[in-house]
PDB file of N, CA and C in Angstrom:
ATOM      1  N   UNK A   1     -11.960  -9.028  18.436  1.00  0.00           N
ATOM      2  CA  UNK A   1     -10.855  -8.282  19.292  1.00  0.00           C
ATOM      3  C   UNK A   1      -9.369  -8.536  18.542  1.00  0.00           C
ATOM      4  N   UNK A   2      -8.589  -7.938  18.302  1.00  0.00           N
ATOM      5  CA  UNK A   2      -7.348  -8.401  17.162  1.00  0.00           C
ATOM      6  C   UNK A   2      -6.103  -8.160  18.293  1.00  0.00           C
ATOM      7  N   UNK A   3      -5.324  -9.297  17.582  1.00  0.00           N
ATOM      8  CA  UNK A   3      -4.222  -9.603  18.887  1.00  0.00           C
ATOM      9  C   UNK A   3      -3.232  -9.699  17.600  1.00  0.00           C
ATOM     10  N   UNK A   4      -2.218  -9.217  18.203  1.00  0.00           N
ATOM     11  CA  UNK A   4      -0.610  -9.251  17.893  1.00  0.00           C
ATOM     12  C   UNK A   4       0.471 -10.274  18.581  1.00  0.00           C
ATOM     13  N   UNK A   5       1.616 -10.550  18.281  1.00  0.00           N
ATOM     14  CA  UNK A   5       2.386 -10.381  18.929  1.00  0.00           C
ATOM     15  C   UNK A   5       4.406  -9.983  19.098  1.00  0.00           C
ATOM     16  N   UNK A   6       4.437  -9.586  20.035  1.00  0.00           N
ATOM     17  CA  UNK A   6       5.545  -9.052  19.906  1.00  0.00           C
ATOM     18  C   UNK A   6       6.683  -9.694  21.345  1.00  0.00           C
ATOM     19  N   UNK A   7       7.852 -10.229  20.706  1.00  0.00           N
ATOM     20  CA  UNK A   7       8.697 -11.034  21.579  1.00  0.00           C
ATOM     21  C   UNK A   7       7.646 -12.654  22.527  1.00  0.00           C
ATOM     22  N   UNK A   8       6.894 -12.888  21.799  1.00  0.00           N
ATOM     23  CA  UNK A   8       6.075 -13.950  22.725  1.00  0.00           C
ATOM     24  C   UNK A   8       4.810 -13.447  22.944  1.00  0.00           C
ATOM     25  N   UNK A   9       4.736 -11.768  23.921  1.00  0.00           N
ATOM     26  CA  UNK A   9       3.652 -12.073  24.966  1.00  0.00           C
ATOM     27  C   UNK A   9       2.300 -11.426  23.416  1.00  0.00           C
ATOM     28  N   UNK A  10       1.567 -11.768  23.966  1.00  0.00           N
ATOM     29  CA  UNK A  10       0.267 -11.572  23.174  1.00  0.00           C
ATOM     30  C   UNK A  10      -0.639 -10.269  23.242  1.00  0.00           C
ATOM     31  N   UNK A  11      -1.543  -9.565  22.849  1.00  0.00           N
ATOM     32  CA  UNK A  11      -2.014  -8.197  23.788  1.00  0.00           C
ATOM     33  C   UNK A  11      -2.851  -7.917  22.095  1.00  0.00           C
ATOM     34  N   UNK A  12      -3.651  -7.262  22.527  1.00  0.00           N
ATOM     35  CA  UNK A  12      -4.539  -6.472  21.844  1.00  0.00           C
ATOM     36  C   UNK A  12      -4.003  -5.649  21.098  1.00  0.00           C
ATOM     37  N   UNK A  13      -3.943  -4.900  20.148  1.00  0.00           N
ATOM     38  CA  UNK A  13      -4.173  -3.304  19.308  1.00  0.00           C
ATOM     39  C   UNK A  13      -4.221  -2.281  20.577  1.00  0.00           C
ATOM     40  N   UNK A  14      -5.338  -2.419  20.881  1.00  0.00           N
ATOM     41  CA  UNK A  14      -6.282  -1.303  21.763  1.00  0.00           C
ATOM     42  C   UNK A  14      -4.621  -1.064  23.219  1.00  0.00           C
ATOM     43  N   UNK A  15      -4.256  -2.477  23.214  1.00  0.00           N
ATOM     44  CA  UNK A  15      -3.852  -2.530  24.808  1.00  0.00           C
ATOM     45  C   UNK A  15      -2.083  -2.148  24.156  1.00  0.00           C
ATOM     46  N   UNK A  16      -1.960  -1.912  23.337  1.00  0.00           N
ATOM     47  CA  UNK A  16      -0.860  -1.766  23.161  1.00  0.00           C
ATOM     48  C   UNK A  16      -0.769  -0.147  22.705  1.00  0.00           C
ATOM     49  N   UNK A  17      -1.960   0.565  22.083  1.00  0.00           N
ATOM     50  CA  UNK A  17      -1.970   1.865  22.396  1.00  0.00           C
ATOM     51  C   UNK A  17      -2.447   2.551  23.296  1.00  0.00           C
ATOM     52  N   UNK A  18      -2.606   1.747  24.203  1.00  0.00           N
ATOM     53  CA  UNK A  18      -3.033   2.360  25.913  1.00  0.00           C
ATOM     54  C   UNK A  18      -1.772   2.162  26.312  1.00  0.00           C
ATOM     55  N   UNK A  19      -0.655   1.560  26.211  1.00  0.00           N
ATOM     56  CA  UNK A  19       0.418   1.371  26.842  1.00  0.00           C
ATOM     57  C   UNK A  19       1.459   2.847  26.230  1.00  0.00           C
ATOM     58  N   UNK A  20       0.959   3.651  25.562  1.00  0.00           N
ATOM     59  CA  UNK A  20       1.524   4.498  25.438  1.00  0.00           C
ATOM     60  C   UNK A  20       2.044   5.467  26.336  1.00  0.00           C
ATOM     61  N   UNK A  21       3.604   5.747  26.794  1.00  0.00           N
ATOM     62  CA  UNK A  21       3.830   6.942  27.293  1.00  0.00           C
ATOM     63  C   UNK A  21       3.534   8.248  26.727  1.00  0.00           C
ATOM     64  N   UNK A  22       3.919   9.343  28.201  1.00  0.00           N
ATOM     65  CA  UNK A  22       4.146  10.913  27.012  1.00  0.00           C
ATOM     66  C   UNK A  22       4.975  11.358  27.458  1.00  0.00           C
ATOM     67  N   UNK A  23       5.475  12.552  27.152  1.00  0.00           N
ATOM     68  CA  UNK A  23       7.126  12.760  27.214  1.00  0.00           C
ATOM     69  C   UNK A  23       6.666  14.562  26.550  1.00  0.00           C
ATOM     70  N   UNK A  24       7.748  15.547  27.268  1.00  0.00           N
ATOM     71  CA  UNK A  24       7.116  16.578  26.961  1.00  0.00           C
ATOM     72  C   UNK A  24       8.620  17.238  26.071  1.00  0.00           C
ATOM     73  N   UNK A  25       8.358  17.342  24.961  1.00  0.00           N
ATOM     74  CA  UNK A  25       9.927  17.428  24.191  1.00  0.00           C
ATOM     75  C   UNK A  25       9.809  18.989  23.666  1.00  0.00           C
ATOM     76  N   UNK A  26      10.456  19.562  24.052  1.00  0.00           N
ATOM     77  CA  UNK A  26      10.776  21.183  23.845  1.00  0.00           C
ATOM     78  C   UNK A  26       9.143  22.061  23.637  1.00  0.00           C
ATOM     79  N   UNK A  27       8.116  22.022  24.573  1.00  0.00           N
ATOM     80  CA  UNK A  27       6.716  22.160  24.586  1.00  0.00           C
ATOM     81  C   UNK A  27       6.106  21.468  23.525  1.00  0.00           C
ATOM     82  N   UNK A  28       6.403  20.286  23.268  1.00  0.00           N
ATOM     83  CA  UNK A  28       5.472  19.545  22.613  1.00  0.00           C
ATOM     84  C   UNK A  28       5.186  18.235  22.953  1.00  0.00           C
ATOM     85  N   UNK A  29       3.922  17.807  23.476  1.00  0.00           N
ATOM     86  CA  UNK A  29       3.867  16.482  24.439  1.00  0.00           C
ATOM     87  C   UNK A  29       3.806  15.441  23.024  1.00  0.00           C
ATOM     88  N   UNK A  30       4.593  14.514  23.450  1.00  0.00           N
ATOM     89  CA  UNK A  30       5.226  13.405  22.204  1.00  0.00           C
ATOM     90  C   UNK A  30       4.939  12.474  23.264  1.00  0.00           C
ATOM     91  N   UNK A  31       4.589  10.849  22.031  1.00  0.00           N
ATOM     92  CA  UNK A  31       4.103   9.850  22.500  1.00  0.00           C
ATOM     93  C   UNK A  31       5.177   8.992  22.940  1.00  0.00           C
ATOM     94  N   UNK A  32       5.447   8.209  23.114  1.00  0.00           N
ATOM     95  CA  UNK A  32       6.737   7.149  23.594  1.00  0.00           C
ATOM     96  C   UNK A  32       6.014   5.615  23.616  1.00  0.00           C
ATOM     97  N   UNK A  33       6.393   4.780  22.978  1.00  0.00           N
ATOM     98  CA  UNK A  33       6.327   2.971  22.647  1.00  0.00           C
ATOM     99  C   UNK A  33       7.773   2.738  22.394  1.00  0.00           C
ATOM    100  N   UNK A  34       7.317   1.311  23.256  1.00  0.00           N
ATOM    101  CA  UNK A  34       8.461   0.434  23.268  1.00  0.00           C
ATOM    102  C   UNK A  34       8.190   0.437  21.824  1.00  0.00           C
ATOM    103  N   UNK A  35      10.021  -0.287  21.463  1.00  0.00           N
ATOM    104  CA  UNK A  35      10.116  -0.091  19.635  1.00  0.00           C
ATOM    105  C   UNK A  35       9.515  -1.705  19.465  1.00  0.00           C
ATOM    106  N   UNK A  36       9.487  -2.784  19.898  1.00  0.00           N
ATOM    107  CA  UNK A  36       9.099  -3.641  19.594  1.00  0.00           C
ATOM    108  C   UNK A  36       7.379  -3.782  19.956  1.00  0.00           C
ATOM    109  N   UNK A  37       6.957  -2.763  20.594  1.00  0.00           N
ATOM    110  CA  UNK A  37       5.317  -2.753  20.589  1.00  0.00           C
ATOM    111  C   UNK A  37       4.842  -2.227  19.092  1.00  0.00           C
ATOM    112  N   UNK A  38       5.613  -1.129  19.015  1.00  0.00           N
ATOM    113  CA  UNK A  38       5.432  -0.212  17.638  1.00  0.00           C
ATOM    114  C   UNK A  38       5.661  -1.247  16.135  1.00  0.00           C
ATOM    115  N   UNK A  39       7.067  -1.604  16.400  1.00  0.00           N
ATOM    116  CA  UNK A  39       7.172  -2.711  15.163  1.00  0.00           C
ATOM    117  C   UNK A  39       6.320  -4.179  14.996  1.00  0.00           C
ATOM    118  N   UNK A  40       5.486  -4.191  15.776  1.00  0.00           N
ATOM    119  CA  UNK A  40       4.446  -5.186  16.064  1.00  0.00           C
ATOM    120  C   UNK A  40       3.154  -4.938  15.508  1.00  0.00           C
ATOM    121  N   UNK A  41       2.448  -3.553  15.662  1.00  0.00           N
ATOM    122  CA  UNK A  41       1.788  -2.709  15.436  1.00  0.00           C
ATOM    123  C   UNK A  41       1.652  -2.544  13.984  1.00  0.00           C
ATOM    124  N   UNK A  42       3.245  -1.961  13.390  1.00  0.00           N
ATOM    125  CA  UNK A  42       3.475  -2.053  12.162  1.00  0.00           C
ATOM    126  C   UNK A  42       2.771  -2.560  11.720  1.00  0.00           C
ATOM    127  N   UNK A  43       3.298  -4.565  11.422  1.00  0.00           N
ATOM    128  CA  UNK A  43       3.198  -5.474  11.292  1.00  0.00           C
ATOM    129  C   UNK A  43       1.456  -5.954  11.398  1.00  0.00           C
ATOM    130  N   UNK A  44       1.028  -5.364  12.592  1.00  0.00           N
ATOM    131  CA  UNK A  44      -0.644  -5.822  12.249  1.00  0.00           C
ATOM    132  C   UNK A  44      -1.190  -5.261  11.355  1.00  0.00           C
ATOM    133  N   UNK A  45      -0.618  -3.791  10.917  1.00  0.00           N
ATOM    134  CA  UNK A  45      -1.813  -2.981  10.302  1.00  0.00           C
ATOM    135  C   UNK A  45      -1.639  -3.120   8.849  1.00  0.00           C
ATOM    136  N   UNK A  46       0.151  -3.692   8.346  1.00  0.00           N
ATOM    137  CA  UNK A  46       0.257  -4.510   7.118  1.00  0.00           C
ATOM    138  C   UNK A  46      -0.655  -5.345   6.571  1.00  0.00           C
ATOM    139  N   UNK A  47      -1.000  -6.274   8.087  1.00  0.00           N
ATOM    140  CA  UNK A  47      -1.645  -7.685   7.692  1.00  0.00           C
ATOM    141  C   UNK A  47      -3.176  -6.845   7.272  1.00  0.00           C
ATOM    142  N   UNK A  48      -3.732  -6.319   8.185  1.00  0.00           N
ATOM    143  CA  UNK A  48      -5.078  -5.591   7.566  1.00  0.00           C
ATOM    144  C   UNK A  48      -5.119  -5.352   6.462  1.00  0.00           C
ATOM    145  N   UNK A  49      -4.238  -4.904   6.153  1.00  0.00           N
ATOM    146  CA  UNK A  49      -3.930  -4.210   4.538  1.00  0.00           C
ATOM    147  C   UNK A  49      -4.170  -5.243   3.739  1.00  0.00           C
ATOM    148  N   UNK A  50      -3.232  -5.911   3.679  1.00  0.00           N
ATOM    149  CA  UNK A  50      -3.207  -7.165   2.961  1.00  0.00           C
ATOM    150  C   UNK A  50      -4.819  -8.208   2.965  1.00  0.00           C
ATOM    151  N   UNK A  51      -4.975  -8.020   3.877  1.00  0.00           N
ATOM    152  CA  UNK A  51      -6.294  -9.306   4.279  1.00  0.00           C
ATOM    153  C   UNK A  51      -7.340  -8.116   3.151  1.00  0.00           C
ATOM    154  N   UNK A  52      -7.515  -6.822   3.218  1.00  0.00           N
ATOM    155  CA  UNK A  52      -8.475  -6.102   2.845  1.00  0.00           C
ATOM    156  C   UNK A  52      -8.534  -6.371   1.595  1.00  0.00           C
ATOM    157  N   UNK A  53      -6.877  -6.361   0.518  1.00  0.00           N
ATOM    158  CA  UNK A  53      -6.709  -6.933  -0.782  1.00  0.00           C
ATOM    159  C   UNK A  53      -7.094  -7.663  -1.229  1.00  0.00           C
ATOM    160  N   UNK A  54      -7.155  -8.736  -0.347  1.00  0.00           N
ATOM    161  CA  UNK A  54      -7.389 -10.444  -1.070  1.00  0.00           C
ATOM    162  C   UNK A  54      -8.715 -10.072  -0.620  1.00  0.00           C
ATOM    163  N   UNK A  55      -9.403  -9.656   0.307  1.00  0.00           N
ATOM    164  CA  UNK A  55     -10.618  -9.980   0.391  1.00  0.00           C
ATOM    165  C   UNK A  55     -11.326  -9.391  -0.892  1.00  0.00           C
ATOM    166  N   UNK A  56     -10.866  -8.082  -1.577  1.00  0.00           N
ATOM    167  CA  UNK A  56     -11.044  -7.081  -2.765  1.00  0.00           C
ATOM    168  C   UNK A  56     -11.093  -7.920  -3.914  1.00  0.00           C
ATOM    169  N   UNK A  57     -10.107  -9.020  -3.770  1.00  0.00           N
ATOM    170  CA  UNK A  57      -9.736  -9.400  -4.879  1.00  0.00           C
ATOM    171  C   UNK A  57     -10.488 -10.725  -5.337  1.00  0.00           C
ATOM    172  N   UNK A  58     -11.046 -11.169  -4.313  1.00  0.00           N
ATOM    173  CA  UNK A  58     -11.844 -12.174  -4.255  1.00  0.00           C
ATOM    174  C   UNK A  58     -13.141 -11.742  -4.356  1.00  0.00           C
ATOM    175  N   UNK A  59     -13.639 -10.516  -4.351  1.00  0.00           N
ATOM    176  CA  UNK A  59     -14.880 -10.449  -4.151  1.00  0.00           C
ATOM    177  C   UNK A  59     -15.031  -9.695  -6.016  1.00  0.00           C
ATOM    178  N   UNK A  60     -13.632  -9.559  -6.447  1.00  0.00           N
ATOM    179  CA  UNK A  60     -14.013  -9.166  -8.062  1.00  0.00           C
ATOM    180  C   UNK A  60     -13.779 -10.316  -8.861  1.00  0.00           C
ATOM    181  N   UNK A  61     -13.607 -11.282  -7.931  1.00  0.00           N
ATOM    182  CA  UNK A  61     -12.972 -12.535  -8.989  1.00  0.00           C
ATOM    183  C   UNK A  61     -14.435 -13.303  -8.735  1.00  0.00           C
ATOM    184  N   UNK A  62     -15.320 -13.118  -7.579  1.00  0.00           N
ATOM    185  CA  UNK A  62     -16.685 -13.919  -7.529  1.00  0.00           C
ATOM    186  C   UNK A  62     -17.504 -12.846  -8.682  1.00  0.00           C
ATOM    187  N   UNK A  63     -17.146 -11.104  -8.627  1.00  0.00           N
ATOM    188  CA  UNK A  63     -18.333 -10.937  -9.643  1.00  0.00           C
ATOM    189  C   UNK A  63     -17.470 -11.569 -11.519  1.00  0.00           C
ATOM    190  N   UNK A  64     -17.088 -11.460 -11.353  1.00  0.00           N
ATOM    191  CA  UNK A  64     -16.936 -13.133 -13.085  1.00  0.00           C
ATOM    192  C   UNK A  64     -16.898 -14.251 -12.666  1.00  0.00           C
ATOM    193  N   UNK A  65     -17.974 -14.358 -11.581  1.00  0.00           N
ATOM    194  CA  UNK A  65     -18.584 -16.111 -11.858  1.00  0.00           C
ATOM    195  C   UNK A  65     -17.188 -17.192 -11.611  1.00  0.00           C
ATOM    196  N   UNK A  66     -15.955 -16.646 -10.302  1.00  0.00           N
ATOM    197  CA  UNK A  66     -15.021 -17.330 -10.303  1.00  0.00           C
ATOM    198  C   UNK A  66     -13.884 -17.521 -11.534  1.00  0.00           C
ATOM    199  N   UNK A  67     -14.613 -17.329 -13.015  1.00  0.00           N
ATOM    200  CA  UNK A  67     -13.572 -17.066 -14.035  1.00  0.00           C
ATOM    201  C   UNK A  67     -12.148 -16.121 -14.040  1.00  0.00           C
ATOM    202  N   UNK A  68     -11.145 -16.668 -13.697  1.00  0.00           N
ATOM    203  CA  UNK A  68      -9.435 -16.546 -13.286  1.00  0.00           C
ATOM    204  C   UNK A  68      -9.318 -15.420 -14.522  1.00  0.00           C
ATOM    205  N   UNK A  69      -9.143 -16.116 -16.023  1.00  0.00           N
ATOM    206  CA  UNK A  69      -9.098 -14.760 -17.135  1.00  0.00           C
ATOM    207  C   UNK A  69      -9.902 -13.814 -17.271  1.00  0.00           C
ATOM    208  N   UNK A  70     -11.485 -14.028 -17.227  1.00  0.00           N
ATOM    209  CA  UNK A  70     -12.036 -12.802 -17.339  1.00  0.00           C
ATOM    210  C   UNK A  70     -12.195 -11.789 -16.174  1.00  0.00           C
ATOM    211  N   UNK A  71     -11.513 -11.852 -14.636  1.00  0.00           N
ATOM    212  CA  UNK A  71     -11.458 -11.004 -13.853  1.00  0.00           C
ATOM    213  C   UNK A  71      -9.703 -10.541 -14.091  1.00  0.00           C
ATOM    214  N   UNK A  72      -8.849 -10.967 -14.711  1.00  0.00           N
ATOM    215  CA  UNK A  72      -7.983 -10.609 -14.939  1.00  0.00           C
ATOM    216  C   UNK A  72      -6.575 -11.180 -14.751  1.00  0.00           C
ATOM    217  N   UNK A  73      -7.244 -11.768 -13.699  1.00  0.00           N
ATOM    218  CA  UNK A  73      -6.207 -12.603 -13.111  1.00  0.00           C
ATOM    219  C   UNK A  73      -4.940 -13.401 -13.900  1.00  0.00           C
ATOM    220  N   UNK A  74      -3.513 -13.038 -13.819  1.00  0.00           N
ATOM    221  CA  UNK A  74      -2.497 -13.375 -14.779  1.00  0.00           C
ATOM    222  C   UNK A  74      -2.451 -15.032 -13.660  1.00  0.00           C
ATOM    223  N   UNK A  75      -2.177 -15.793 -14.708  1.00  0.00           N
ATOM    224  CA  UNK A  75      -1.173 -17.411 -14.826  1.00  0.00           C
ATOM    225  C   UNK A  75       0.300 -17.306 -14.031  1.00  0.00           C
ATOM    226  N   UNK A  76       0.624 -18.152 -13.050  1.00  0.00           N
ATOM    227  CA  UNK A  76       1.898 -18.397 -12.289  1.00  0.00           C
ATOM    228  C   UNK A  76       3.064 -18.596 -13.860  1.00  0.00           C
ATOM    229  N   UNK A  77       2.619 -19.655 -14.643  1.00  0.00           N
ATOM    230  CA  UNK A  77       3.522 -19.570 -15.685  1.00  0.00           C
ATOM    231  C   UNK A  77       3.617 -18.483 -16.014  1.00  0.00           C
ATOM    232  N   UNK A  78       2.810 -17.185 -16.264  1.00  0.00           N
ATOM    233  CA  UNK A  78       2.837 -15.736 -17.022  1.00  0.00           C
ATOM    234  C   UNK A  78       4.027 -14.972 -16.238  1.00  0.00           C
ATOM    235  N   UNK A  79       3.888 -15.477 -15.184  1.00  0.00           N
ATOM    236  CA  UNK A  79       4.781 -13.857 -14.201  1.00  0.00           C
ATOM    237  C   UNK A  79       5.686 -14.641 -13.075  1.00  0.00           C
ATOM    238  N   UNK A  80       5.829 -15.749 -13.701  1.00  0.00           N
ATOM    239  CA  UNK A  80       7.054 -16.391 -12.632  1.00  0.00           C
ATOM    240  C   UNK A  80       8.233 -15.525 -12.562  1.00  0.00           C
ATOM    241  N   UNK A  81       8.757 -15.838 -13.755  1.00  0.00           N
ATOM    242  CA  UNK A  81      10.071 -15.453 -14.670  1.00  0.00           C
ATOM    243  C   UNK A  81      10.011 -13.927 -14.421  1.00  0.00           C
ATOM    244  N   UNK A  82       9.391 -13.251 -14.177  1.00  0.00           N
ATOM    245  CA  UNK A  82       9.687 -11.874 -13.550  1.00  0.00           C
ATOM    246  C   UNK A  82       9.760 -11.563 -12.252  1.00  0.00           C
ATOM    247  N   UNK A  83       9.361 -12.418 -11.401  1.00  0.00           N
ATOM    248  CA  UNK A  83       9.285 -12.369 -10.070  1.00  0.00           C
ATOM    249  C   UNK A  83      10.125 -13.242  -9.177  1.00  0.00           C
ATOM    250  N   UNK A  84      11.189 -13.873  -9.570  1.00  0.00           N
ATOM    251  CA  UNK A  84      12.681 -14.999  -9.694  1.00  0.00           C
ATOM    252  C   UNK A  84      13.713 -14.790 -10.221  1.00  0.00           C
TER     253      UNK A  84
END
């Protein structure tokens, strides 16, 4: 079960989606969700994406016998000037 926080309240992603209300707008049915819940869902999805990227990177590293150079990983001192 996946949880996220919205203003101190903890809920599951499914609970947030089930809290959606519907409205009719010019013959179109639209979903309405609390902005705090929406922002929390977006953050949760971004976190899931980051986790997937990290898992893939570590799987690639493992495939190279944990050799960061062979895996193509850059050293911090090689890139820190570009990032700061």
